[in-house]
Amino acid sequence: MATKDPREPFTRISVSEAKEKLDKGEAVMVDVREPNEYVEVHASGVRLIPVNTVMAEIKQLRDFAGSKEVLFICKSGARSALAAEFATAGGVTDIPLYNVEGGTLAWVEAGYPTGD
């Protein structure tokens, strides 16, 4: 179940909630791991923007998201939370941001699509 901590500029959601948002076309997902991790396995349809480049890639992030919500995913959920913080610091305050709890590990474990 989605949880919002008032001290965080994002909402924490499960992989099943993330999948539902993607399936409905409400959101896009950004993988913030390193390229070598990404090529090993990644959720289907994600855009790779490593966490340490999020601030420099705000325009790319906005272009990718359009008017949709942004779901950040990493390996387990820590770097994606940081990426959401960076996006907010970079001025993304008008788009709902989410941290996918459990990350790619939980995505794969749930049997959701990978690759592409």
N, C-alpha and C. Protein backbone atom coordinates (compact mmCIF):
# COMPACT_ATOMS: atom_id res chain seq x y z
N MET A 1 0.84 -1.18 0.00
CA MET A 1 0.00 0.00 0.00
C MET A 1 0.89 1.25 0.00
N ALA A 2 0.56 2.20 -0.84
CA ALA A 2 1.32 3.44 -0.94
C ALA A 2 1.36 4.15 0.41
N THR A 3 2.55 4.64 0.76
CA THR A 3 2.70 5.39 2.00
C THR A 3 3.44 6.69 1.72
N LYS A 4 2.95 7.76 2.33
CA LYS A 4 3.55 9.08 2.14
C LYS A 4 4.00 9.60 3.49
N ASP A 5 5.32 9.79 3.61
CA ASP A 5 5.91 10.41 4.79
C ASP A 5 6.01 11.90 4.50
N PRO A 6 5.43 12.76 5.34
CA PRO A 6 5.45 14.20 5.04
C PRO A 6 6.86 14.78 4.96
N ARG A 7 7.85 14.07 5.46
CA ARG A 7 9.24 14.55 5.40
C ARG A 7 9.91 14.18 4.08
N GLU A 8 9.24 13.37 3.25
CA GLU A 8 9.82 12.93 1.97
C GLU A 8 9.04 13.52 0.80
N PRO A 9 9.75 13.89 -0.28
CA PRO A 9 9.05 14.48 -1.43
C PRO A 9 8.52 13.43 -2.41
N PHE A 10 8.32 12.22 -1.93
CA PHE A 10 7.85 11.13 -2.78
C PHE A 10 6.97 10.20 -1.96
N THR A 11 6.28 9.33 -2.66
CA THR A 11 5.43 8.32 -2.03
C THR A 11 6.06 6.96 -2.25
N ARG A 12 6.06 6.14 -1.24
CA ARG A 12 6.61 4.78 -1.35
C ARG A 12 5.50 3.85 -1.82
N ILE A 13 5.80 3.05 -2.88
CA ILE A 13 4.81 2.11 -3.38
C ILE A 13 5.45 0.75 -3.60
N SER A 14 4.63 -0.27 -3.62
CA SER A 14 5.10 -1.64 -3.85
C SER A 14 5.28 -1.87 -5.35
N VAL A 15 5.95 -2.96 -5.70
CA VAL A 15 6.11 -3.27 -7.12
C VAL A 15 4.76 -3.55 -7.78
N SER A 16 3.83 -4.13 -7.04
CA SER A 16 2.51 -4.40 -7.64
C SER A 16 1.77 -3.09 -7.93
N GLU A 17 1.90 -2.11 -7.03
CA GLU A 17 1.28 -0.81 -7.28
C GLU A 17 1.95 -0.11 -8.46
N ALA A 18 3.28 -0.26 -8.55
CA ALA A 18 4.02 0.33 -9.67
C ALA A 18 3.57 -0.30 -10.98
N LYS A 19 3.46 -1.60 -11.00
CA LYS A 19 3.04 -2.32 -12.22
C LYS A 19 1.65 -1.86 -12.64
N GLU A 20 0.77 -1.70 -11.68
CA GLU A 20 -0.59 -1.25 -11.97
C GLU A 20 -0.59 0.14 -12.60
N LYS A 21 0.20 1.06 -12.06
CA LYS A 21 0.29 2.41 -12.61
C LYS A 21 0.84 2.38 -14.03
N LEU A 22 1.85 1.55 -14.27
CA LEU A 22 2.43 1.43 -15.60
C LEU A 22 1.41 0.85 -16.58
N ASP A 23 0.72 -0.20 -16.15
CA ASP A 23 -0.28 -0.85 -17.01
C ASP A 23 -1.41 0.10 -17.39
N LYS A 24 -1.77 1.00 -16.47
CA LYS A 24 -2.84 1.96 -16.73
C LYS A 24 -2.35 3.16 -17.55
N GLY A 25 -1.02 3.24 -17.77
CA GLY A 25 -0.46 4.37 -18.51
C GLY A 25 -0.38 5.64 -17.70
N GLU A 26 -0.45 5.52 -16.38
CA GLU A 26 -0.41 6.70 -15.51
C GLU A 26 1.00 7.17 -15.20
N ALA A 27 1.99 6.29 -15.43
CA ALA A 27 3.34 6.60 -14.96
C ALA A 27 4.40 6.06 -15.91
N VAL A 28 5.61 6.56 -15.72
CA VAL A 28 6.81 6.03 -16.37
C VAL A 28 7.75 5.61 -15.25
N MET A 29 8.68 4.70 -15.57
CA MET A 29 9.61 4.23 -14.54
C MET A 29 11.04 4.51 -14.95
N VAL A 30 11.81 5.02 -14.00
CA VAL A 30 13.21 5.36 -14.21
C VAL A 30 14.07 4.48 -13.32
N ASP A 31 14.99 3.74 -13.94
CA ASP A 31 15.94 2.89 -13.22
C ASP A 31 17.15 3.76 -12.91
N VAL A 32 17.53 3.86 -11.64
CA VAL A 32 18.62 4.75 -11.25
C VAL A 32 19.90 4.01 -10.86
N ARG A 33 19.97 2.73 -11.21
CA ARG A 33 21.18 1.96 -10.93
C ARG A 33 22.27 2.32 -11.94
N GLU A 34 23.42 1.71 -11.78
CA GLU A 34 24.53 1.92 -12.71
C GLU A 34 24.30 1.09 -13.97
N PRO A 35 24.88 1.52 -15.11
CA PRO A 35 24.68 0.80 -16.38
C PRO A 35 25.01 -0.69 -16.30
N ASN A 36 26.06 -1.06 -15.58
CA ASN A 36 26.42 -2.49 -15.49
C ASN A 36 25.36 -3.29 -14.75
N GLU A 37 24.66 -2.69 -13.81
CA GLU A 37 23.57 -3.37 -13.10
C GLU A 37 22.35 -3.47 -14.02
N TYR A 38 22.11 -2.39 -14.75
CA TYR A 38 20.96 -2.31 -15.65
C TYR A 38 21.02 -3.40 -16.72
N VAL A 39 22.20 -3.63 -17.31
CA VAL A 39 22.29 -4.62 -18.38
C VAL A 39 22.09 -6.04 -17.86
N GLU A 40 22.36 -6.26 -16.58
CA GLU A 40 22.12 -7.59 -15.99
C GLU A 40 20.64 -7.95 -16.03
N VAL A 41 19.81 -7.06 -15.49
CA VAL A 41 18.36 -7.24 -15.49
C VAL A 41 17.71 -5.91 -15.15
N HIS A 42 16.62 -5.61 -15.85
CA HIS A 42 15.85 -4.40 -15.55
C HIS A 42 14.39 -4.62 -15.92
N ALA A 43 13.54 -3.86 -15.26
CA ALA A 43 12.11 -3.92 -15.56
C ALA A 43 11.88 -3.47 -17.00
N SER A 44 10.93 -4.08 -17.63
CA SER A 44 10.58 -3.74 -19.01
C SER A 44 10.07 -2.30 -19.09
N GLY A 45 10.56 -1.57 -20.09
CA GLY A 45 10.05 -0.22 -20.35
C GLY A 45 10.66 0.89 -19.52
N VAL A 46 11.67 0.61 -18.70
CA VAL A 46 12.26 1.66 -17.88
C VAL A 46 13.25 2.49 -18.69
N ARG A 47 13.55 3.68 -18.20
CA ARG A 47 14.60 4.53 -18.77
C ARG A 47 15.73 4.56 -17.74
N LEU A 48 16.95 4.38 -18.19
CA LEU A 48 18.10 4.41 -17.29
C LEU A 48 18.59 5.84 -17.12
N ILE A 49 18.57 6.31 -15.88
CA ILE A 49 19.18 7.59 -15.50
C ILE A 49 19.86 7.33 -14.15
N PRO A 50 21.15 6.99 -14.15
CA PRO A 50 21.84 6.67 -12.89
C PRO A 50 21.65 7.76 -11.84
N VAL A 51 21.53 7.35 -10.60
CA VAL A 51 21.21 8.27 -9.50
C VAL A 51 22.15 9.47 -9.46
N ASN A 52 23.43 9.26 -9.72
CA ASN A 52 24.37 10.39 -9.63
C ASN A 52 24.27 11.34 -10.82
N THR A 53 23.38 11.06 -11.78
CA THR A 53 23.19 11.96 -12.92
C THR A 53 21.80 12.60 -12.94
N VAL A 54 20.97 12.26 -11.97
CA VAL A 54 19.58 12.75 -11.97
C VAL A 54 19.52 14.27 -12.02
N MET A 55 20.33 14.95 -11.22
CA MET A 55 20.29 16.42 -11.19
C MET A 55 20.64 17.01 -12.56
N ALA A 56 21.59 16.40 -13.25
CA ALA A 56 22.01 16.89 -14.56
C ALA A 56 21.03 16.50 -15.67
N GLU A 57 20.16 15.53 -15.39
CA GLU A 57 19.25 15.01 -16.42
C GLU A 57 17.79 15.38 -16.17
N ILE A 58 17.56 16.48 -15.48
CA ILE A 58 16.18 16.88 -15.17
C ILE A 58 15.37 17.08 -16.46
N LYS A 59 15.96 17.68 -17.48
CA LYS A 59 15.23 17.89 -18.74
C LYS A 59 14.87 16.54 -19.36
N GLN A 60 15.81 15.60 -19.40
CA GLN A 60 15.53 14.26 -19.94
C GLN A 60 14.42 13.60 -19.13
N LEU A 61 14.47 13.74 -17.83
CA LEU A 61 13.45 13.16 -16.95
C LEU A 61 12.08 13.76 -17.27
N ARG A 62 12.01 15.07 -17.39
CA ARG A 62 10.74 15.74 -17.71
C ARG A 62 10.23 15.33 -19.10
N ASP A 63 11.14 15.26 -20.08
CA ASP A 63 10.74 14.86 -21.43
C ASP A 63 10.19 13.44 -21.44
N PHE A 64 10.83 12.55 -20.70
CA PHE A 64 10.40 11.15 -20.63
C PHE A 64 9.04 11.05 -19.94
N ALA A 65 8.87 11.79 -18.85
CA ALA A 65 7.64 11.71 -18.06
C ALA A 65 6.46 12.38 -18.75
N GLY A 66 6.70 13.49 -19.41
CA GLY A 66 5.58 14.25 -19.95
C GLY A 66 4.68 14.68 -18.81
N SER A 67 3.43 14.30 -18.87
CA SER A 67 2.49 14.65 -17.79
C SER A 67 2.23 13.47 -16.86
N LYS A 68 3.04 12.43 -16.99
CA LYS A 68 2.83 11.23 -16.17
C LYS A 68 3.62 11.27 -14.87
N GLU A 69 3.20 10.45 -13.94
CA GLU A 69 3.91 10.30 -12.67
C GLU A 69 5.23 9.58 -12.93
N VAL A 70 6.21 9.79 -12.04
CA VAL A 70 7.52 9.17 -12.21
C VAL A 70 7.76 8.18 -11.07
N LEU A 71 8.06 6.93 -11.47
CA LEU A 71 8.39 5.88 -10.52
C LEU A 71 9.90 5.66 -10.60
N PHE A 72 10.59 5.81 -9.47
CA PHE A 72 12.02 5.55 -9.43
C PHE A 72 12.25 4.15 -8.88
N ILE A 73 13.13 3.38 -9.54
CA ILE A 73 13.44 2.03 -9.10
C ILE A 73 14.95 1.83 -9.13
N CYS A 74 15.47 1.09 -8.16
CA CYS A 74 16.89 0.74 -8.13
C CYS A 74 16.97 -0.75 -7.82
N LYS A 75 17.98 -1.17 -7.10
CA LYS A 75 18.10 -2.59 -6.77
C LYS A 75 17.10 -2.98 -5.68
N SER A 76 17.07 -2.17 -4.59
CA SER A 76 16.21 -2.54 -3.47
C SER A 76 15.36 -1.40 -2.91
N GLY A 77 15.63 -0.17 -3.31
CA GLY A 77 14.79 0.94 -2.85
C GLY A 77 15.51 2.11 -2.23
N ALA A 78 16.82 2.00 -1.95
CA ALA A 78 17.54 3.09 -1.29
C ALA A 78 17.97 4.18 -2.28
N ARG A 79 18.61 3.80 -3.37
CA ARG A 79 19.05 4.81 -4.35
C ARG A 79 17.88 5.47 -5.04
N SER A 80 16.79 4.76 -5.22
CA SER A 80 15.63 5.37 -5.88
C SER A 80 15.01 6.45 -4.99
N ALA A 81 15.06 6.26 -3.69
CA ALA A 81 14.58 7.30 -2.77
C ALA A 81 15.47 8.54 -2.91
N LEU A 82 16.77 8.33 -2.98
CA LEU A 82 17.71 9.43 -3.15
C LEU A 82 17.47 10.14 -4.49
N ALA A 83 17.21 9.37 -5.54
CA ALA A 83 16.94 9.95 -6.86
C ALA A 83 15.71 10.86 -6.81
N ALA A 84 14.69 10.45 -6.09
CA ALA A 84 13.48 11.28 -5.95
C ALA A 84 13.82 12.58 -5.21
N GLU A 85 14.68 12.48 -4.21
CA GLU A 85 15.14 13.68 -3.49
C GLU A 85 15.88 14.61 -4.45
N PHE A 86 16.78 14.03 -5.27
CA PHE A 86 17.54 14.83 -6.24
C PHE A 86 16.62 15.49 -7.25
N ALA A 87 15.63 14.75 -7.74
CA ALA A 87 14.69 15.30 -8.72
C ALA A 87 13.95 16.50 -8.12
N THR A 88 13.53 16.36 -6.88
CA THR A 88 12.84 17.46 -6.20
C THR A 88 13.78 18.65 -6.05
N ALA A 89 15.02 18.40 -5.64
CA ALA A 89 16.00 19.47 -5.50
C ALA A 89 16.28 20.14 -6.85
N GLY A 90 16.13 19.38 -7.92
CA GLY A 90 16.33 19.92 -9.26
C GLY A 90 15.12 20.65 -9.81
N GLY A 91 14.06 20.76 -9.02
CA GLY A 91 12.90 21.54 -9.42
C GLY A 91 11.68 20.75 -9.84
N VAL A 92 11.75 19.42 -9.76
CA VAL A 92 10.59 18.61 -10.14
C VAL A 92 9.64 18.53 -8.93
N THR A 93 8.79 19.52 -8.86
CA THR A 93 7.84 19.57 -7.75
C THR A 93 6.40 19.52 -8.24
N ASP A 94 6.23 19.50 -9.56
CA ASP A 94 4.90 19.51 -10.16
C ASP A 94 4.47 18.15 -10.69
N ILE A 95 5.34 17.14 -10.55
CA ILE A 95 5.04 15.78 -11.01
C ILE A 95 5.09 14.86 -9.80
N PRO A 96 4.08 14.03 -9.57
CA PRO A 96 4.14 13.08 -8.46
C PRO A 96 5.32 12.11 -8.64
N LEU A 97 6.10 11.96 -7.58
CA LEU A 97 7.26 11.07 -7.59
C LEU A 97 7.03 9.91 -6.64
N TYR A 98 7.49 8.72 -7.06
CA TYR A 98 7.31 7.51 -6.27
C TYR A 98 8.62 6.75 -6.16
N ASN A 99 8.79 6.09 -5.04
CA ASN A 99 9.92 5.18 -4.82
C ASN A 99 9.35 3.77 -4.79
N VAL A 100 9.85 2.92 -5.69
CA VAL A 100 9.39 1.53 -5.75
C VAL A 100 10.14 0.71 -4.70
N GLU A 101 9.43 0.40 -3.64
CA GLU A 101 10.02 -0.35 -2.52
C GLU A 101 10.38 -1.77 -2.94
N GLY A 102 11.54 -2.21 -2.55
CA GLY A 102 12.00 -3.55 -2.90
C GLY A 102 12.74 -3.58 -4.22
N GLY A 103 12.56 -2.54 -5.03
CA GLY A 103 13.30 -2.35 -6.25
C GLY A 103 13.22 -3.47 -7.27
N THR A 104 14.27 -3.55 -8.08
CA THR A 104 14.32 -4.53 -9.15
C THR A 104 14.30 -5.95 -8.61
N LEU A 105 14.89 -6.15 -7.42
CA LEU A 105 14.87 -7.49 -6.81
C LEU A 105 13.43 -7.95 -6.62
N ALA A 106 12.58 -7.07 -6.07
CA ALA A 106 11.18 -7.41 -5.84
C ALA A 106 10.42 -7.53 -7.16
N TRP A 107 10.77 -6.70 -8.14
CA TRP A 107 10.12 -6.73 -9.46
C TRP A 107 10.34 -8.11 -10.10
N VAL A 108 11.59 -8.56 -10.10
CA VAL A 108 11.94 -9.85 -10.68
C VAL A 108 11.29 -10.98 -9.90
N GLU A 109 11.34 -10.89 -8.58
CA GLU A 109 10.74 -11.92 -7.71
C GLU A 109 9.25 -12.06 -7.97
N ALA A 110 8.59 -10.94 -8.29
CA ALA A 110 7.15 -10.96 -8.56
C ALA A 110 6.83 -11.54 -9.94
N GLY A 111 7.86 -11.75 -10.75
CA GLY A 111 7.65 -12.32 -12.07
C GLY A 111 7.20 -11.32 -13.12
N TYR A 112 7.41 -10.03 -12.85
CA TYR A 112 7.01 -9.00 -13.80
C TYR A 112 8.00 -8.93 -14.97
N PRO A 113 7.57 -8.37 -16.10
CA PRO A 113 8.41 -8.37 -17.32
C PRO A 113 9.74 -7.65 -17.14
N THR A 114 10.78 -8.22 -17.73
CA THR A 114 12.10 -7.63 -17.72
C THR A 114 12.62 -7.51 -19.15
N GLY A 115 13.67 -6.74 -19.30
CA GLY A 115 14.30 -6.61 -20.60
C GLY A 115 13.75 -5.50 -21.43
N ASP A 116 14.16 -5.47 -22.68
CA ASP A 116 13.86 -4.49 -23.72
C ASP A 116 14.61 -3.24 -23.45
